[in-house]
Amino acid sequence: QVQLVESGGGLGQAGGSLRLSCAVSGRTFSRYDMAWFRQAPGKERDFVAATTWNGGRTSYADSVKGRFTISRDNAKNTAYLQMNSLKPEDTAVYYCAAERLPLNSDYTLPTAYHTWGQGTQVTVSS
């Protein structure tokens, strides 16, 4: 069982940048696919980005494509979400998630992941 702890959230300005980290403890981090989701007040938890266990493949929601970058450092047991060109609509609680996803899984669904961090608030002012 892995445990996830997010950090790096806070207040950002429109057009600015923030970097989120997800520190992973427990079983071998490098075996897990990683993803970031976000949830705004009163809304569902939405997919943001995902990366495979070795970082060889990444995917992004259309709303963040070209602005956000997901990465991982298996030596440091940490995943990252670099967020550039922030917009007020990026305001949400951001969660990282880990799972050993079977082939052909829909990695954009929150239900595909069983291990979650506690979330970190990101607020973007205009």
Foldseek 3Di string as FASTA:
>chain_A
DKAWAKDFADEAEQQAKTKMKIAIDDPQQLLKKKFKWWDAPPGDIWGAKIAHSNRPDMDGDPVQPPFWDWDDDSVRRMIMIIGGNDDQVVWTWMKMFIDNADPPDPPGDPVRGDYIHPTDTHGYHD
